[in-house]
Amino acid sequence: MRRMCDIAQKGEGIYMPRLTPIKAIRAKCLSCCCGSIMEVRLCTVQKCPLYPYRMGHRPKGEQNTVEQSIIEKS
């Protein structure tokens, strides 16, 4: 099975850039706010699990990764 990134590298199909998780979250927030950077900044949906990451970087004091949290809960 061929992945989209393999297709994009060979020049077939649509180009799909690889995103880091933080950049993917930022893109989702921009999509939710109709592409408005100011609306992302002014977002009031604090119950959203992506809220702390909406500005495109990890919040201060955030050291654990998702994998570490899963391991600690087990």
Protein backbone atom coordinates (compact mmCIF):
# COMPACT_ATOMS: atom_id res chain seq x y z
CA MET A 1 0.00 0.00 0.00
CA ARG A 2 1.37 3.41 -0.95
CA ARG A 3 1.19 6.32 1.41
CA MET A 4 0.26 9.83 0.28
CA CYS A 5 3.71 11.13 1.22
CA ASP A 6 5.28 8.51 -1.08
CA ILE A 7 2.99 9.58 -3.92
CA ALA A 8 3.77 13.25 -3.33
CA GLN A 9 7.50 12.58 -3.41
CA LYS A 10 7.23 10.85 -6.78
CA GLY A 11 5.25 13.70 -8.30
CA GLU A 12 2.00 11.77 -8.60
CA GLY A 13 -1.12 13.21 -7.04
CA ILE A 14 -1.56 16.06 -4.60
CA TYR A 15 1.38 17.47 -2.60
CA MET A 16 0.81 16.87 1.10
CA PRO A 17 3.41 18.38 3.45
CA ARG A 18 4.34 16.49 6.59
CA LEU A 19 3.21 18.31 9.69
CA THR A 20 4.50 18.09 13.22
CA PRO A 21 1.75 17.48 15.79
CA ILE A 22 1.93 21.12 16.94
CA LYS A 23 1.62 22.42 13.36
CA ALA A 24 -1.28 20.05 12.72
CA ILE A 25 -3.06 21.40 15.81
CA ARG A 26 -2.43 24.96 14.63
CA ALA A 27 -3.87 24.08 11.20
CA LYS A 28 -6.97 22.58 12.86
CA CYS A 29 -7.47 25.72 14.96
CA LEU A 30 -7.14 27.92 11.88
CA SER A 31 -9.66 25.72 10.09
CA CYS A 32 -12.07 25.97 13.03
CA CYS A 33 -11.74 29.79 12.99
CA CYS A 34 -12.20 30.10 9.20
CA GLY A 35 -8.51 30.90 8.67
CA SER A 36 -8.48 33.95 10.95
CA ILE A 37 -5.29 34.17 13.00
CA MET A 38 -6.89 36.74 15.29
CA GLU A 39 -9.87 34.46 15.98
CA VAL A 40 -7.49 31.65 17.00
CA ARG A 41 -5.78 34.05 19.40
CA LEU A 42 -9.15 35.20 20.80
CA CYS A 43 -10.65 31.69 21.02
CA THR A 44 -12.87 31.26 24.07
CA VAL A 45 -13.48 27.49 23.86
CA GLN A 46 -11.29 26.57 26.82
CA LYS A 47 -12.86 23.10 27.08
CA CYS A 48 -11.34 22.19 23.71
CA PRO A 49 -8.46 19.72 24.26
CA LEU A 50 -6.41 21.64 21.68
CA TYR A 51 -6.89 25.02 23.39
CA PRO A 52 -3.47 25.18 25.14
CA TYR A 53 -1.71 24.35 21.84
CA ARG A 54 -3.66 26.72 19.56
CA MET A 55 -0.85 29.25 19.17
CA GLY A 56 1.43 26.74 17.46
CA HIS A 57 3.72 25.87 20.35
CA ARG A 58 3.73 23.79 23.49
CA PRO A 59 2.49 25.63 26.61
CA LYS A 60 5.11 26.64 29.17
CA GLY A 61 5.77 23.93 31.72
CA GLU A 62 4.50 21.16 29.42
CA GLN A 63 7.19 18.49 29.57
CA ASN A 64 5.34 15.18 29.22
CA THR A 65 4.49 13.69 25.88
CA VAL A 66 1.35 11.69 25.19
CA GLU A 67 3.36 8.47 25.25
CA GLN A 68 4.77 9.28 28.70
CA SER A 69 1.28 10.01 30.04
CA ILE A 70 -0.04 6.69 28.77
CA ILE A 71 2.87 4.81 30.35
CA GLU A 72 2.37 6.58 33.69
CA LYS A 73 -1.35 5.70 33.74
CA SER A 74 -0.65 2.00 33.13
